[in-house]
Amino acid sequence: MNEYRTNANQTPYFTKDRVERKWYVVDMADQVLGRAAVGIAKLIIGKNHAQFTPGQDTGAFVVVLNADKLRVTGNKLTQKIYYRHSGYPGGLRATMLRDRLSKDAREVVRDAVKGMLPHNKLGNRLITKLKVYSGSDHPHTAQNPTVITVEELAKL
């Protein structure tokens, strides 16, 4: 019998207290940004589990290492531009991907994954489960994270 059902006629509904949280480690060294971001977003949303519920947080925590060693394909370093606006006239600012990578590659990874999450309150909660580090060390060893390769991410 399914432990999530209270009555045999009810459809199981998974809530955040009933979900088992896993931790994964992804090494971005020499990996393509977009391909890895897709798999990371799937892990965070929880689409790799049978208990996936669209309106609930059923995903895992993901620790990304070596964010400064990622790579991009094509001419994205010079052609991809990030825009932001201050809200004032003349307040539009544009930054190329090359400049953002040299300044802080962790934010580039975070923005790539955030763009693949739902654009609502749930997405704002989900992005907090992404931990990005520039080096190969991280403070989450106590959670016993599972190392997952980008090739395994692509199969999700």
C-alpha atoms as a PDB file:
ATOM      1  CA  MET A   1       0.000   0.000   0.000  1.00  0.00           C
ATOM      2  CA  ASN A   2       1.251   3.470  -0.800  1.00  0.00           C
ATOM      3  CA  GLU A   3       2.147   5.404   2.342  1.00  0.00           C
ATOM      4  CA  TYR A   4       1.123   8.713   0.773  1.00  0.00           C
ATOM      5  CA  ARG A   5      -2.509   7.728   0.358  1.00  0.00           C
ATOM      6  CA  THR A   6      -4.938   8.153   3.200  1.00  0.00           C
ATOM      7  CA  ASN A   7      -7.741   6.447   1.321  1.00  0.00           C
ATOM      8  CA  ALA A   8      -7.516   3.859  -1.445  1.00  0.00           C
ATOM      9  CA  ASN A   9      -9.582   6.097  -3.749  1.00  0.00           C
ATOM     10  CA  GLN A  10      -7.383   9.149  -3.388  1.00  0.00           C
ATOM     11  CA  THR A  11      -4.690  10.144  -5.831  1.00  0.00           C
ATOM     12  CA  PRO A  12      -1.305  10.419  -4.075  1.00  0.00           C
ATOM     13  CA  TYR A  13      -0.160  13.989  -3.600  1.00  0.00           C
ATOM     14  CA  PHE A  14       3.427  14.584  -2.620  1.00  0.00           C
ATOM     15  CA  THR A  15       4.244  17.497  -0.380  1.00  0.00           C
ATOM     16  CA  LYS A  16       7.607  18.884   0.631  1.00  0.00           C
ATOM     17  CA  ASP A  17       7.567  17.081   4.015  1.00  0.00           C
ATOM     18  CA  ARG A  18       7.179  13.686   2.345  1.00  0.00           C
ATOM     19  CA  VAL A  19       9.917  14.096  -0.251  1.00  0.00           C
ATOM     20  CA  GLU A  20      13.357  12.612   0.280  1.00  0.00           C
ATOM     21  CA  ARG A  21      15.951  15.250  -0.638  1.00  0.00           C
ATOM     22  CA  LYS A  22      19.096  14.102  -2.393  1.00  0.00           C
ATOM     23  CA  TRP A  23      22.284  16.037  -3.019  1.00  0.00           C
ATOM     24  CA  TYR A  24      24.210  15.872  -6.292  1.00  0.00           C
ATOM     25  CA  VAL A  25      27.607  17.243  -7.326  1.00  0.00           C
ATOM     26  CA  VAL A  26      28.224  18.324 -10.931  1.00  0.00           C
ATOM     27  CA  ASP A  27      31.727  19.173 -12.141  1.00  0.00           C
ATOM     28  CA  MET A  28      31.533  21.842 -14.864  1.00  0.00           C
ATOM     29  CA  ALA A  29      35.213  21.598 -15.847  1.00  0.00           C
ATOM     30  CA  ASP A  30      35.340  21.684 -19.660  1.00  0.00           C
ATOM     31  CA  GLN A  31      31.559  21.170 -19.970  1.00  0.00           C
ATOM     32  CA  VAL A  32      29.175  23.133 -22.190  1.00  0.00           C
ATOM     33  CA  LEU A  33      27.141  25.629 -20.157  1.00  0.00           C
ATOM     34  CA  GLY A  34      23.727  25.163 -21.757  1.00  0.00           C
ATOM     35  CA  ARG A  35      23.789  21.371 -21.880  1.00  0.00           C
ATOM     36  CA  ALA A  36      24.747  21.113 -18.228  1.00  0.00           C
ATOM     37  CA  ALA A  37      22.206  23.759 -17.168  1.00  0.00           C
ATOM     38  CA  VAL A  38      19.337  21.735 -18.664  1.00  0.00           C
ATOM     39  CA  GLY A  39      20.202  18.659 -16.594  1.00  0.00           C
ATOM     40  CA  ILE A  40      20.797  20.703 -13.453  1.00  0.00           C
ATOM     41  CA  ALA A  41      17.395  22.364 -13.823  1.00  0.00           C
ATOM     42  CA  LYS A  42      15.729  18.948 -14.205  1.00  0.00           C
ATOM     43  CA  LEU A  43      17.362  17.738 -10.990  1.00  0.00           C
ATOM     44  CA  ILE A  44      16.326  20.850  -9.071  1.00  0.00           C
ATOM     45  CA  ILE A  45      12.730  20.669 -10.325  1.00  0.00           C
ATOM     46  CA  GLY A  46      12.585  16.927  -9.631  1.00  0.00           C
ATOM     47  CA  LYS A  47      11.536  15.744 -13.084  1.00  0.00           C
ATOM     48  CA  ASN A  48      13.757  12.688 -12.759  1.00  0.00           C
ATOM     49  CA  HIS A  49      11.538  11.220  -9.997  1.00  0.00           C
ATOM     50  CA  ALA A  50       8.303   9.323 -10.363  1.00  0.00           C
ATOM     51  CA  GLN A  51       6.827  11.495  -7.615  1.00  0.00           C
ATOM     52  CA  PHE A  52       7.213  14.699  -9.666  1.00  0.00           C
ATOM     53  CA  THR A  53       4.364  17.108  -8.986  1.00  0.00           C
ATOM     54  CA  PRO A  54       4.405  20.334 -11.043  1.00  0.00           C
ATOM     55  CA  GLY A  55       3.281  22.667  -8.267  1.00  0.00           C
ATOM     56  CA  GLN A  56       5.463  21.199  -5.530  1.00  0.00           C
ATOM     57  CA  ASP A  57       9.145  21.319  -4.687  1.00  0.00           C
ATOM     58  CA  THR A  58      10.116  17.656  -5.129  1.00  0.00           C
ATOM     59  CA  GLY A  59      13.655  18.138  -6.467  1.00  0.00           C
ATOM     60  CA  ALA A  60      17.170  17.709  -5.197  1.00  0.00           C
ATOM     61  CA  PHE A  61      19.989  20.003  -4.149  1.00  0.00           C
ATOM     62  CA  VAL A  62      22.753  20.473  -6.720  1.00  0.00           C
ATOM     63  CA  VAL A  63      26.319  21.575  -6.017  1.00  0.00           C
ATOM     64  CA  VAL A  64      28.185  22.840  -9.097  1.00  0.00           C
ATOM     65  CA  LEU A  65      31.986  22.836  -8.980  1.00  0.00           C
ATOM     66  CA  ASN A  66      34.583  24.481 -11.253  1.00  0.00           C
ATOM     67  CA  ALA A  67      32.158  27.036 -12.652  1.00  0.00           C
ATOM     68  CA  ASP A  68      35.093  29.113 -13.891  1.00  0.00           C
ATOM     69  CA  LYS A  69      36.246  26.261 -16.167  1.00  0.00           C
ATOM     70  CA  LEU A  70      33.042  25.885 -18.193  1.00  0.00           C
ATOM     71  CA  ARG A  71      32.954  26.434 -21.929  1.00  0.00           C
ATOM     72  CA  VAL A  72      30.476  27.790 -24.429  1.00  0.00           C
ATOM     73  CA  THR A  73      30.076  26.878 -28.090  1.00  0.00           C
ATOM     74  CA  GLY A  74      30.014  29.059 -31.165  1.00  0.00           C
ATOM     75  CA  ASN A  75      30.482  32.806 -30.931  1.00  0.00           C
ATOM     76  CA  LYS A  76      28.540  33.215 -27.697  1.00  0.00           C
ATOM     77  CA  LEU A  77      31.461  34.824 -25.863  1.00  0.00           C
ATOM     78  CA  THR A  78      31.092  37.952 -27.990  1.00  0.00           C
ATOM     79  CA  GLN A  79      27.540  37.691 -29.357  1.00  0.00           C
ATOM     80  CA  LYS A  80      25.558  36.769 -26.227  1.00  0.00           C
ATOM     81  CA  ILE A  81      24.627  39.919 -24.364  1.00  0.00           C
ATOM     82  CA  TYR A  82      22.988  40.219 -20.954  1.00  0.00           C
ATOM     83  CA  TYR A  83      20.767  43.271 -20.519  1.00  0.00           C
ATOM     84  CA  ARG A  84      19.578  44.995 -17.369  1.00  0.00           C
ATOM     85  CA  HIS A  85      17.742  48.252 -16.845  1.00  0.00           C
ATOM     86  CA  SER A  86      17.786  50.534 -13.823  1.00  0.00           C
ATOM     87  CA  GLY A  87      14.293  51.850 -14.490  1.00  0.00           C
ATOM     88  CA  TYR A  88      15.518  55.334 -15.265  1.00  0.00           C
ATOM     89  CA  PRO A  89      15.774  56.923 -18.727  1.00  0.00           C
ATOM     90  CA  GLY A  90      19.065  55.885 -20.292  1.00  0.00           C
ATOM     91  CA  GLY A  91      19.507  53.171 -17.684  1.00  0.00           C
ATOM     92  CA  LEU A  92      19.949  50.235 -20.071  1.00  0.00           C
ATOM     93  CA  ARG A  93      23.195  48.351 -19.466  1.00  0.00           C
ATOM     94  CA  ALA A  94      24.575  45.557 -21.609  1.00  0.00           C
ATOM     95  CA  THR A  95      27.316  43.089 -20.721  1.00  0.00           C
ATOM     96  CA  MET A  96      28.874  40.457 -22.973  1.00  0.00           C
ATOM     97  CA  LEU A  97      29.175  36.876 -21.788  1.00  0.00           C
ATOM     98  CA  ARG A  98      32.974  37.107 -21.980  1.00  0.00           C
ATOM     99  CA  ASP A  99      32.980  39.956 -19.446  1.00  0.00           C
ATOM    100  CA  ARG A 100      30.564  38.207 -17.080  1.00  0.00           C
ATOM    101  CA  LEU A 101      32.621  35.008 -17.181  1.00  0.00           C
ATOM    102  CA  SER A 102      35.805  36.863 -16.325  1.00  0.00           C
ATOM    103  CA  LYS A 103      34.119  38.773 -13.501  1.00  0.00           C
ATOM    104  CA  ASP A 104      32.135  35.952 -11.837  1.00  0.00           C
ATOM    105  CA  ALA A 105      31.396  32.699 -13.668  1.00  0.00           C
ATOM    106  CA  ARG A 106      29.210  31.497 -10.787  1.00  0.00           C
ATOM    107  CA  GLU A 107      26.551  34.065 -11.670  1.00  0.00           C
ATOM    108  CA  VAL A 108      26.555  32.940 -15.309  1.00  0.00           C
ATOM    109  CA  VAL A 109      25.798  29.350 -14.255  1.00  0.00           C
ATOM    110  CA  ARG A 110      23.150  30.529 -11.789  1.00  0.00           C
ATOM    111  CA  ASP A 111      21.434  32.696 -14.427  1.00  0.00           C
ATOM    112  CA  ALA A 112      21.507  29.882 -17.011  1.00  0.00           C
ATOM    113  CA  VAL A 113      19.809  27.467 -14.598  1.00  0.00           C
ATOM    114  CA  LYS A 114      17.391  30.089 -13.283  1.00  0.00           C
ATOM    115  CA  GLY A 115      16.185  30.776 -16.822  1.00  0.00           C
ATOM    116  CA  MET A 116      15.173  27.115 -17.115  1.00  0.00           C
ATOM    117  CA  LEU A 117      13.153  27.058 -13.900  1.00  0.00           C
ATOM    118  CA  PRO A 118       9.522  28.185 -13.590  1.00  0.00           C
ATOM    119  CA  HIS A 119       9.163  31.970 -13.576  1.00  0.00           C
ATOM    120  CA  ASN A 120       7.027  32.200 -10.443  1.00  0.00           C
ATOM    121  CA  LYS A 121       7.292  31.855  -6.652  1.00  0.00           C
ATOM    122  CA  LEU A 122       8.157  28.182  -6.949  1.00  0.00           C
ATOM    123  CA  GLY A 123      11.073  28.992  -9.248  1.00  0.00           C
ATOM    124  CA  ASN A 124      12.354  31.519  -6.714  1.00  0.00           C
ATOM    125  CA  ARG A 125      12.362  28.798  -4.044  1.00  0.00           C
ATOM    126  CA  LEU A 126      13.935  26.219  -6.360  1.00  0.00           C
ATOM    127  CA  ILE A 127      16.940  28.369  -7.288  1.00  0.00           C
ATOM    128  CA  THR A 128      17.998  28.404  -3.618  1.00  0.00           C
ATOM    129  CA  LYS A 129      18.772  24.679  -3.958  1.00  0.00           C
ATOM    130  CA  LEU A 130      21.577  25.445  -6.425  1.00  0.00           C
ATOM    131  CA  LYS A 131      25.021  25.929  -4.869  1.00  0.00           C
ATOM    132  CA  VAL A 132      27.724  27.116  -7.291  1.00  0.00           C
ATOM    133  CA  TYR A 133      31.466  27.262  -6.541  1.00  0.00           C
ATOM    134  CA  SER A 134      34.434  28.349  -8.642  1.00  0.00           C
ATOM    135  CA  GLY A 135      36.858  25.774  -7.296  1.00  0.00           C
ATOM    136  CA  SER A 136      36.655  22.063  -6.646  1.00  0.00           C
ATOM    137  CA  ASP A 137      36.045  22.410  -2.881  1.00  0.00           C
ATOM    138  CA  HIS A 138      32.619  22.783  -1.302  1.00  0.00           C
ATOM    139  CA  PRO A 139      31.270  22.836   2.274  1.00  0.00           C
ATOM    140  CA  HIS A 140      28.487  20.291   1.630  1.00  0.00           C
ATOM    141  CA  THR A 141      30.394  17.051   2.252  1.00  0.00           C
ATOM    142  CA  ALA A 142      28.266  16.311   5.329  1.00  0.00           C
ATOM    143  CA  GLN A 143      25.244  15.757   3.044  1.00  0.00           C
ATOM    144  CA  ASN A 144      27.061  12.909   1.213  1.00  0.00           C
ATOM    145  CA  PRO A 145      26.316  14.208  -2.290  1.00  0.00           C
ATOM    146  CA  THR A 146      26.286  11.844  -5.254  1.00  0.00           C
ATOM    147  CA  VAL A 147      28.705  12.760  -8.038  1.00  0.00           C
ATOM    148  CA  ILE A 148      26.884  12.919 -11.365  1.00  0.00           C
ATOM    149  CA  THR A 149      28.482  13.559 -14.734  1.00  0.00           C
ATOM    150  CA  VAL A 150      27.109  15.816 -17.439  1.00  0.00           C
ATOM    151  CA  GLU A 151      26.584  12.749 -19.648  1.00  0.00           C
ATOM    152  CA  GLU A 152      24.317  11.270 -16.962  1.00  0.00           C
ATOM    153  CA  LEU A 153      22.526  14.618 -16.702  1.00  0.00           C
ATOM    154  CA  ALA A 154      21.760  14.484 -20.417  1.00  0.00           C
ATOM    155  CA  LYS A 155      20.028  11.117 -19.993  1.00  0.00           C
ATOM    156  CA  LEU A 156      17.580  12.469 -17.391  1.00  0.00           C
END
